[in-house]
PDB file of all heavy atoms in Angstrom:
ATOM      1  N   THR A   1      -5.283  24.289  23.505  1.00  0.00           N
ATOM      2  CA  THR A   1      -3.868  24.496  23.227  1.00  0.00           C
ATOM      3  C   THR A   1      -3.588  24.235  21.771  1.00  0.00           C
ATOM      4  O   THR A   1      -3.981  23.225  21.213  1.00  0.00           O
ATOM      5  CB  THR A   1      -3.018  23.536  24.087  1.00  0.00           C
ATOM      6  OG1 THR A   1      -3.376  22.206  23.784  1.00  0.00           O
ATOM      7  CG2 THR A   1      -3.223  23.810  25.570  1.00  0.00           C
ATOM      8  N   LEU A   2      -2.868  25.164  21.124  1.00  0.00           N
ATOM      9  CA  LEU A   2      -2.540  25.007  19.716  1.00  0.00           C
ATOM     10  C   LEU A   2      -1.605  23.841  19.506  1.00  0.00           C
ATOM     11  O   LEU A   2      -1.616  23.201  18.467  1.00  0.00           O
ATOM     12  CB  LEU A   2      -1.924  26.301  19.190  1.00  0.00           C
ATOM     13  CG  LEU A   2      -2.863  27.508  19.160  1.00  0.00           C
ATOM     14  CD1 LEU A   2      -2.125  28.739  18.673  1.00  0.00           C
ATOM     15  CD2 LEU A   2      -4.055  27.242  18.269  1.00  0.00           C
ATOM     16  N   SER A   3      -0.790  23.532  20.502  1.00  0.00           N
ATOM     17  CA  SER A   3       0.140  22.418  20.340  1.00  0.00           C
ATOM     18  C   SER A   3      -0.595  21.103  20.177  1.00  0.00           C
ATOM     19  O   SER A   3      -0.156  20.214  19.458  1.00  0.00           O
ATOM     20  CB  SER A   3       1.078  22.331  21.550  1.00  0.00           C
ATOM     21  OG  SER A   3       0.329  22.181  22.735  1.00  0.00           O
ATOM     22  N   ARG A   4      -1.717  20.959  20.833  1.00  0.00           N
ATOM     23  CA  ARG A   4      -2.504  19.737  20.684  1.00  0.00           C
ATOM     24  C   ARG A   4      -2.976  19.585  19.238  1.00  0.00           C
ATOM     25  O   ARG A   4      -2.826  18.547  18.624  1.00  0.00           O
ATOM     26  CB  ARG A   4      -3.705  19.773  21.629  1.00  0.00           C
ATOM     27  CG  ARG A   4      -4.689  18.628  21.399  1.00  0.00           C
ATOM     28  CD  ARG A   4      -5.837  18.643  22.383  1.00  0.00           C
ATOM     29  NE  ARG A   4      -5.363  18.296  23.712  1.00  0.00           N
ATOM     30  CZ  ARG A   4      -6.177  18.097  24.749  1.00  0.00           C
ATOM     31  NH1 ARG A   4      -7.475  18.234  24.604  1.00  0.00           N
ATOM     32  NH2 ARG A   4      -5.697  17.787  25.931  1.00  0.00           N
ATOM     33  N   ARG A   5      -3.528  20.655  18.668  1.00  0.00           N
ATOM     34  CA  ARG A   5      -3.978  20.588  17.287  1.00  0.00           C
ATOM     35  C   ARG A   5      -2.808  20.378  16.344  1.00  0.00           C
ATOM     36  O   ARG A   5      -2.885  19.632  15.383  1.00  0.00           O
ATOM     37  CB  ARG A   5      -4.735  21.870  16.910  1.00  0.00           C
ATOM     38  CG  ARG A   5      -6.130  21.904  17.515  1.00  0.00           C
ATOM     39  CD  ARG A   5      -6.919  23.075  16.999  1.00  0.00           C
ATOM     40  NE  ARG A   5      -8.334  22.922  17.362  1.00  0.00           N
ATOM     41  CZ  ARG A   5      -9.276  23.766  17.013  1.00  0.00           C
ATOM     42  NH1 ARG A   5      -8.979  24.818  16.280  1.00  0.00           N
ATOM     43  NH2 ARG A   5     -10.525  23.564  17.374  1.00  0.00           N
ATOM     44  N   GLY A   6      -1.707  21.049  16.616  1.00  0.00           N
ATOM     45  CA  GLY A   6      -0.544  20.883  15.756  1.00  0.00           C
ATOM     46  C   GLY A   6      -0.041  19.456  15.755  1.00  0.00           C
ATOM     47  O   GLY A   6       0.341  18.915  14.716  1.00  0.00           O
ATOM     48  N   LEU A   7      -0.022  18.822  16.926  1.00  0.00           N
ATOM     49  CA  LEU A   7       0.400  17.430  17.027  1.00  0.00           C
ATOM     50  C   LEU A   7      -0.498  16.535  16.194  1.00  0.00           C
ATOM     51  O   LEU A   7      -0.028  15.679  15.430  1.00  0.00           O
ATOM     52  CB  LEU A   7       0.360  16.987  18.492  1.00  0.00           C
ATOM     53  CG  LEU A   7       0.587  15.506  18.768  1.00  0.00           C
ATOM     54  CD1 LEU A   7       1.988  15.103  18.328  1.00  0.00           C
ATOM     55  CD2 LEU A   7       0.379  15.194  20.245  1.00  0.00           C
ATOM     56  N   LEU A   8      -1.802  16.726  16.290  1.00  0.00           N
ATOM     57  CA  LEU A   8      -2.740  15.882  15.553  1.00  0.00           C
ATOM     58  C   LEU A   8      -2.648  16.105  14.065  1.00  0.00           C
ATOM     59  O   LEU A   8      -2.695  15.165  13.272  1.00  0.00           O
ATOM     60  CB  LEU A   8      -4.163  16.147  16.046  1.00  0.00           C
ATOM     61  CG  LEU A   8      -4.428  15.654  17.466  1.00  0.00           C
ATOM     62  CD1 LEU A   8      -5.701  16.270  18.000  1.00  0.00           C
ATOM     63  CD2 LEU A   8      -4.495  14.144  17.520  1.00  0.00           C
ATOM     64  N   LEU A   9      -2.493  17.348  13.641  1.00  0.00           N
ATOM     65  CA  LEU A   9      -2.368  17.643  12.215  1.00  0.00           C
ATOM     66  C   LEU A   9      -1.136  16.991  11.636  1.00  0.00           C
ATOM     67  O   LEU A   9      -1.153  16.412  10.558  1.00  0.00           O
ATOM     68  CB  LEU A   9      -2.307  19.159  11.990  1.00  0.00           C
ATOM     69  CG  LEU A   9      -3.631  19.905  12.086  1.00  0.00           C
ATOM     70  CD1 LEU A   9      -3.376  21.396  12.197  1.00  0.00           C
ATOM     71  CD2 LEU A   9      -4.503  19.606  10.888  1.00  0.00           C
ATOM     72  N   GLY A  10      -0.029  17.058  12.356  1.00  0.00           N
ATOM     73  CA  GLY A  10       1.211  16.493  11.839  1.00  0.00           C
ATOM     74  C   GLY A  10       1.199  14.982  11.809  1.00  0.00           C
ATOM     75  O   GLY A  10       1.618  14.347  10.849  1.00  0.00           O
ATOM     76  N   ALA A  11       0.683  14.357  12.857  1.00  0.00           N
ATOM     77  CA  ALA A  11       0.723  12.901  12.946  1.00  0.00           C
ATOM     78  C   ALA A  11      -0.216  12.236  11.970  1.00  0.00           C
ATOM     79  O   ALA A  11       0.100  11.198  11.390  1.00  0.00           O
ATOM     80  CB  ALA A  11       0.363  12.474  14.376  1.00  0.00           C
ATOM     81  N   ALA A  12      -1.397  12.815  11.751  1.00  0.00           N
ATOM     82  CA  ALA A  12      -2.404  12.154  10.923  1.00  0.00           C
ATOM     83  C   ALA A  12      -2.051  12.156   9.450  1.00  0.00           C
ATOM     84  O   ALA A  12      -2.602  11.373   8.687  1.00  0.00           O
ATOM     85  CB  ALA A  12      -3.766  12.821  11.122  1.00  0.00           C
ATOM     86  N   SER A  13      -1.142  13.014   9.030  1.00  0.00           N
ATOM     87  CA  SER A  13      -0.854  13.117   7.605  1.00  0.00           C
ATOM     88  C   SER A  13      -0.175  11.881   7.051  1.00  0.00           C
ATOM     89  O   SER A  13      -0.096  11.711   5.848  1.00  0.00           O
ATOM     90  CB  SER A  13       0.031  14.342   7.341  1.00  0.00           C
ATOM     91  OG  SER A  13       1.269  14.213   7.987  1.00  0.00           O
ATOM     92  N   VAL A  14       0.311  10.967   7.912  1.00  0.00           N
ATOM     93  CA  VAL A  14       0.987   9.776   7.415  1.00  0.00           C
ATOM     94  C   VAL A  14       0.069   8.560   7.418  1.00  0.00           C
ATOM     95  O   VAL A  14       0.491   7.463   7.088  1.00  0.00           O
ATOM     96  CB  VAL A  14       2.246   9.471   8.260  1.00  0.00           C
ATOM     97  CG1 VAL A  14       3.216  10.630   8.180  1.00  0.00           C
ATOM     98  CG2 VAL A  14       1.886   9.196   9.726  1.00  0.00           C
ATOM     99  N   ILE A  15      -1.199   8.738   7.778  1.00  0.00           N
ATOM    100  CA  ILE A  15      -2.126   7.613   7.792  1.00  0.00           C
ATOM    101  C   ILE A  15      -2.375   7.149   6.366  1.00  0.00           C
ATOM    102  O   ILE A  15      -2.674   7.952   5.491  1.00  0.00           O
ATOM    103  CB  ILE A  15      -3.462   8.018   8.446  1.00  0.00           C
ATOM    104  CG1 ILE A  15      -3.222   8.396   9.917  1.00  0.00           C
ATOM    105  CG2 ILE A  15      -4.473   6.887   8.370  1.00  0.00           C
ATOM    106  CD1 ILE A  15      -4.447   8.961  10.588  1.00  0.00           C
ATOM    107  N   PRO A  16      -2.282   5.832   6.072  1.00  0.00           N
ATOM    108  CA  PRO A  16      -2.499   5.367   4.698  1.00  0.00           C
ATOM    109  C   PRO A  16      -3.945   5.509   4.291  1.00  0.00           C
ATOM    110  O   PRO A  16      -4.853   5.531   5.124  1.00  0.00           O
ATOM    111  CB  PRO A  16      -2.082   3.895   4.755  1.00  0.00           C
ATOM    112  CG  PRO A  16      -2.255   3.506   6.184  1.00  0.00           C
ATOM    113  CD  PRO A  16      -1.924   4.739   6.983  1.00  0.00           C
ATOM    114  N   ALA A  17      -4.172   5.586   2.985  1.00  0.00           N
ATOM    115  CA  ALA A  17      -5.537   5.697   2.461  1.00  0.00           C
ATOM    116  C   ALA A  17      -6.322   4.438   2.752  1.00  0.00           C
ATOM    117  O   ALA A  17      -5.800   3.329   2.738  1.00  0.00           O
ATOM    118  CB  ALA A  17      -5.485   5.937   0.953  1.00  0.00           C
ATOM    119  N   ALA A  18      -7.632   4.611   2.989  1.00  0.00           N
ATOM    120  CA  ALA A  18      -8.498   3.462   3.203  1.00  0.00           C
ATOM    121  C   ALA A  18      -8.680   2.701   1.901  1.00  0.00           C
ATOM    122  O   ALA A  18      -8.679   3.265   0.816  1.00  0.00           O
ATOM    123  CB  ALA A  18      -9.857   3.935   3.728  1.00  0.00           C
ATOM    124  N   GLY A  19      -8.856   1.380   1.996  1.00  0.00           N
ATOM    125  CA  GLY A  19      -9.030   0.559   0.804  1.00  0.00           C
ATOM    126  C   GLY A  19     -10.393   0.750   0.188  1.00  0.00           C
ATOM    127  O   GLY A  19     -11.345   1.168   0.832  1.00  0.00           O
ATOM    128  N   LEU A  20     -10.491   0.440  -1.096  1.00  0.00           N
ATOM    129  CA  LEU A  20     -11.748   0.557  -1.822  1.00  0.00           C
ATOM    130  C   LEU A  20     -12.334  -0.808  -2.080  1.00  0.00           C
ATOM    131  O   LEU A  20     -11.614  -1.767  -2.344  1.00  0.00           O
ATOM    132  CB  LEU A  20     -11.514   1.253  -3.173  1.00  0.00           C
ATOM    133  CG  LEU A  20     -11.100   2.723  -3.093  1.00  0.00           C
ATOM    134  CD1 LEU A  20     -10.705   3.216  -4.468  1.00  0.00           C
ATOM    135  CD2 LEU A  20     -12.229   3.555  -2.544  1.00  0.00           C
ATOM    136  N   ALA A  21     -13.655  -0.891  -2.036  1.00  0.00           N
ATOM    137  CA  ALA A  21     -14.322  -2.131  -2.386  1.00  0.00           C
ATOM    138  C   ALA A  21     -14.166  -2.400  -3.877  1.00  0.00           C
ATOM    139  O   ALA A  21     -14.111  -1.495  -4.693  1.00  0.00           O
ATOM    140  CB  ALA A  21     -15.806  -2.034  -2.030  1.00  0.00           C
ATOM    141  N   ALA A  22     -14.103  -3.657  -4.237  1.00  0.00           N
ATOM    142  CA  ALA A  22     -13.944  -4.014  -5.648  1.00  0.00           C
ATOM    143  C   ALA A  22     -15.224  -3.728  -6.418  1.00  0.00           C
ATOM    144  O   ALA A  22     -16.324  -3.920  -5.929  1.00  0.00           O
ATOM    145  CB  ALA A  22     -13.602  -5.495  -5.759  1.00  0.00           C
ATOM    146  N   CYS A  23     -15.059  -3.241  -7.638  1.00  0.00           N
ATOM    147  CA  CYS A  23     -16.217  -2.996  -8.499  1.00  0.00           C
ATOM    148  C   CYS A  23     -16.631  -4.292  -9.173  1.00  0.00           C
ATOM    149  O   CYS A  23     -15.829  -5.196  -9.373  1.00  0.00           O
ATOM    150  CB  CYS A  23     -15.861  -1.958  -9.555  1.00  0.00           C
ATOM    151  SG  CYS A  23     -15.385  -0.361  -8.845  1.00  0.00           S
ATOM    152  N   SER A  24     -17.882  -4.364  -9.571  1.00  0.00           N
ATOM    153  CA  SER A  24     -18.385  -5.583 -10.182  1.00  0.00           C
ATOM    154  C   SER A  24     -17.930  -5.732 -11.623  1.00  0.00           C
ATOM    155  O   SER A  24     -17.967  -6.816 -12.178  1.00  0.00           O
ATOM    156  CB  SER A  24     -19.924  -5.601 -10.118  1.00  0.00           C
ATOM    157  OG  SER A  24     -20.448  -4.461 -10.773  1.00  0.00           O
ATOM    158  N   ARG A  25     -17.526  -4.658 -12.277  1.00  0.00           N
ATOM    159  CA  ARG A  25     -17.024  -4.736 -13.637  1.00  0.00           C
ATOM    160  C   ARG A  25     -16.023  -3.622 -13.856  1.00  0.00           C
ATOM    161  O   ARG A  25     -15.923  -2.683 -13.082  1.00  0.00           O
ATOM    162  CB  ARG A  25     -18.167  -4.600 -14.640  1.00  0.00           C
ATOM    163  CG  ARG A  25     -18.862  -3.246 -14.655  1.00  0.00           C
ATOM    164  CD  ARG A  25     -19.848  -3.177 -15.818  1.00  0.00           C
ATOM    165  NE  ARG A  25     -20.524  -1.902 -15.880  1.00  0.00           N
ATOM    166  CZ  ARG A  25     -20.018  -0.806 -16.437  1.00  0.00           C
ATOM    167  NH1 ARG A  25     -18.791  -0.828 -16.949  1.00  0.00           N
ATOM    168  NH2 ARG A  25     -20.710   0.319 -16.481  1.00  0.00           N
ATOM    169  N   GLY A  26     -15.271  -3.735 -14.917  1.00  0.00           N
ATOM    170  CA  GLY A  26     -14.284  -2.723 -15.219  1.00  0.00           C
ATOM    171  C   GLY A  26     -14.925  -1.448 -15.721  1.00  0.00           C
ATOM    172  O   GLY A  26     -16.072  -1.439 -16.159  1.00  0.00           O
ATOM    173  N   PRO A  27     -14.175  -0.340 -15.681  1.00  0.00           N
ATOM    174  CA  PRO A  27     -14.725   0.942 -16.124  1.00  0.00           C
ATOM    175  C   PRO A  27     -14.874   1.005 -17.634  1.00  0.00           C
ATOM    176  O   PRO A  27     -14.078   0.431 -18.380  1.00  0.00           O
ATOM    177  CB  PRO A  27     -13.677   1.951 -15.636  1.00  0.00           C
ATOM    178  CG  PRO A  27     -12.404   1.166 -15.580  1.00  0.00           C
ATOM    179  CD  PRO A  27     -12.805  -0.217 -15.170  1.00  0.00           C
ATOM    180  N   ALA A  28     -15.899   1.699 -18.078  1.00  0.00           N
ATOM    181  CA  ALA A  28     -16.087   1.943 -19.507  1.00  0.00           C
ATOM    182  C   ALA A  28     -15.330   3.214 -19.878  1.00  0.00           C
ATOM    183  O   ALA A  28     -15.152   4.102 -19.052  1.00  0.00           O
ATOM    184  CB  ALA A  28     -17.567   2.101 -19.821  1.00  0.00           C
ATOM    185  N   PRO A  29     -14.856   3.326 -21.130  1.00  0.00           N
ATOM    186  CA  PRO A  29     -14.175   4.553 -21.551  1.00  0.00           C
ATOM    187  C   PRO A  29     -15.117   5.756 -21.447  1.00  0.00           C
ATOM    188  O   PRO A  29     -16.290   5.662 -21.799  1.00  0.00           O
ATOM    189  CB  PRO A  29     -13.802   4.271 -23.007  1.00  0.00           C
ATOM    190  CG  PRO A  29     -13.847   2.780 -23.145  1.00  0.00           C
ATOM    191  CD  PRO A  29     -14.904   2.309 -22.195  1.00  0.00           C
ATOM    192  N   LEU A  30     -14.603   6.845 -20.953  1.00  0.00           N
ATOM    193  CA  LEU A  30     -15.408   8.047 -20.821  1.00  0.00           C
ATOM    194  C   LEU A  30     -15.406   8.857 -22.108  1.00  0.00           C
ATOM    195  O   LEU A  30     -14.410   8.900 -22.832  1.00  0.00           O
ATOM    196  CB  LEU A  30     -14.871   8.925 -19.691  1.00  0.00           C
ATOM    197  CG  LEU A  30     -15.037   8.417 -18.263  1.00  0.00           C
ATOM    198  CD1 LEU A  30     -14.355   9.383 -17.303  1.00  0.00           C
ATOM    199  CD2 LEU A  30     -16.512   8.254 -17.900  1.00  0.00           C
ATOM    200  N   VAL A  31     -16.543   9.511 -22.374  1.00  0.00           N
ATOM    201  CA  VAL A  31     -16.598  10.517 -23.432  1.00  0.00           C
ATOM    202  C   VAL A  31     -15.914  11.766 -22.891  1.00  0.00           C
ATOM    203  O   VAL A  31     -16.261  12.257 -21.806  1.00  0.00           O
ATOM    204  CB  VAL A  31     -18.052  10.841 -23.807  1.00  0.00           C
ATOM    205  CG1 VAL A  31     -18.104  11.963 -24.836  1.00  0.00           C
ATOM    206  CG2 VAL A  31     -18.753   9.595 -24.319  1.00  0.00           C
ATOM    207  N   THR A  32     -14.919  12.281 -23.602  1.00  0.00           N
ATOM    208  CA  THR A  32     -14.211  13.474 -23.150  1.00  0.00           C
ATOM    209  C   THR A  32     -14.598  14.671 -24.001  1.00  0.00           C
ATOM    210  O   THR A  32     -14.928  14.532 -25.181  1.00  0.00           O
ATOM    211  CB  THR A  32     -12.690  13.265 -23.217  1.00  0.00           C
ATOM    212  OG1 THR A  32     -12.325  12.913 -24.552  1.00  0.00           O
ATOM    213  CG2 THR A  32     -12.259  12.147 -22.265  1.00  0.00           C
ATOM    214  N   PRO A  33     -14.579  15.860 -23.420  1.00  0.00           N
ATOM    215  CA  PRO A  33     -15.028  17.044 -24.156  1.00  0.00           C
ATOM    216  C   PRO A  33     -14.107  17.387 -25.330  1.00  0.00           C
ATOM    217  O   PRO A  33     -12.903  17.131 -25.293  1.00  0.00           O
ATOM    218  CB  PRO A  33     -14.977  18.160 -23.103  1.00  0.00           C
ATOM    219  CG  PRO A  33     -14.917  17.467 -21.796  1.00  0.00           C
ATOM    220  CD  PRO A  33     -14.225  16.163 -22.028  1.00  0.00           C
ATOM    221  N   THR A  34     -14.691  17.976 -26.344  1.00  0.00           N
ATOM    222  CA  THR A  34     -13.916  18.548 -27.435  1.00  0.00           C
ATOM    223  C   THR A  34     -13.179  19.779 -26.933  1.00  0.00           C
ATOM    224  O   THR A  34     -13.717  20.550 -26.133  1.00  0.00           O
ATOM    225  CB  THR A  34     -14.841  18.944 -28.607  1.00  0.00           C
ATOM    226  OG1 THR A  34     -15.557  17.787 -29.036  1.00  0.00           O
ATOM    227  CG2 THR A  34     -14.046  19.527 -29.766  1.00  0.00           C
ATOM    228  N   ALA A  35     -11.938  19.932 -27.344  1.00  0.00           N
ATOM    229  CA  ALA A  35     -11.148  21.074 -26.900  1.00  0.00           C
ATOM    230  C   ALA A  35     -11.847  22.391 -27.246  1.00  0.00           C
ATOM    231  O   ALA A  35     -12.354  22.562 -28.354  1.00  0.00           O
ATOM    232  CB  ALA A  35      -9.765  21.037 -27.533  1.00  0.00           C
ATOM    233  N   VAL A  36     -11.882  23.287 -26.265  1.00  0.00           N
ATOM    234  CA  VAL A  36     -12.518  24.594 -26.441  1.00  0.00           C
ATOM    235  C   VAL A  36     -11.409  25.641 -26.556  1.00  0.00           C
ATOM    236  O   VAL A  36     -10.471  25.644 -25.763  1.00  0.00           O
ATOM    237  CB  VAL A  36     -13.428  24.929 -25.242  1.00  0.00           C
ATOM    238  CG1 VAL A  36     -14.107  26.270 -25.435  1.00  0.00           C
ATOM    239  CG2 VAL A  36     -14.460  23.820 -25.042  1.00  0.00           C
ATOM    240  N   PRO A  37     -11.472  26.535 -27.525  1.00  0.00           N
ATOM    241  CA  PRO A  37     -10.427  27.556 -27.672  1.00  0.00           C
ATOM    242  C   PRO A  37     -10.253  28.377 -26.398  1.00  0.00           C
ATOM    243  O   PRO A  37     -11.232  28.823 -25.791  1.00  0.00           O
ATOM    244  CB  PRO A  37     -10.942  28.431 -28.820  1.00  0.00           C
ATOM    245  CG  PRO A  37     -11.865  27.542 -29.593  1.00  0.00           C
ATOM    246  CD  PRO A  37     -12.502  26.642 -28.581  1.00  0.00           C
ATOM    247  N   THR A  38      -9.024  28.546 -25.975  1.00  0.00           N
ATOM    248  CA  THR A  38      -8.761  29.322 -24.763  1.00  0.00           C
ATOM    249  C   THR A  38      -9.031  30.807 -24.970  1.00  0.00           C
ATOM    250  O   THR A  38      -9.042  31.568 -24.002  1.00  0.00           O
ATOM    251  CB  THR A  38      -7.303  29.136 -24.315  1.00  0.00           C
ATOM    252  OG1 THR A  38      -6.431  29.512 -25.400  1.00  0.00           O
ATOM    253  CG2 THR A  38      -7.035  27.687 -23.933  1.00  0.00           C
ATOM    254  N   THR A  39      -9.270  31.196 -26.212  1.00  0.00           N
ATOM    255  CA  THR A  39      -9.629  32.589 -26.482  1.00  0.00           C
ATOM    256  C   THR A  39     -11.095  32.877 -26.178  1.00  0.00           C
ATOM    257  O   THR A  39     -11.498  34.038 -26.110  1.00  0.00           O
ATOM    258  CB  THR A  39      -9.342  32.936 -27.954  1.00  0.00           C
ATOM    259  OG1 THR A  39     -10.007  31.986 -28.799  1.00  0.00           O
ATOM    260  CG2 THR A  39      -7.840  32.891 -28.231  1.00  0.00           C
ATOM    261  N   ASP A  40     -11.888  31.816 -26.010  1.00  0.00           N
ATOM    262  CA  ASP A  40     -13.299  32.004 -25.663  1.00  0.00           C
ATOM    263  C   ASP A  40     -13.415  32.538 -24.238  1.00  0.00           C
ATOM    264  O   ASP A  40     -12.536  32.293 -23.394  1.00  0.00           O
ATOM    265  CB  ASP A  40     -14.056  30.683 -25.762  1.00  0.00           C
ATOM    266  CG  ASP A  40     -14.268  30.233 -27.196  1.00  0.00           C
ATOM    267  OD1 ASP A  40     -13.794  30.940 -28.113  1.00  0.00           O
ATOM    268  OD2 ASP A  40     -14.897  29.181 -27.396  1.00  0.00           O
TER     269      ASP A  40
END
């Protein structure tokens, strides 16, 4: 029955995100790419 799937799809969307384990150290700054011309 489509109603069963519809019920589950609608209800599950409000479930909170699962928690994350703590990292052992803080993040290091990332190297970010040099801007590439959009004309390429």
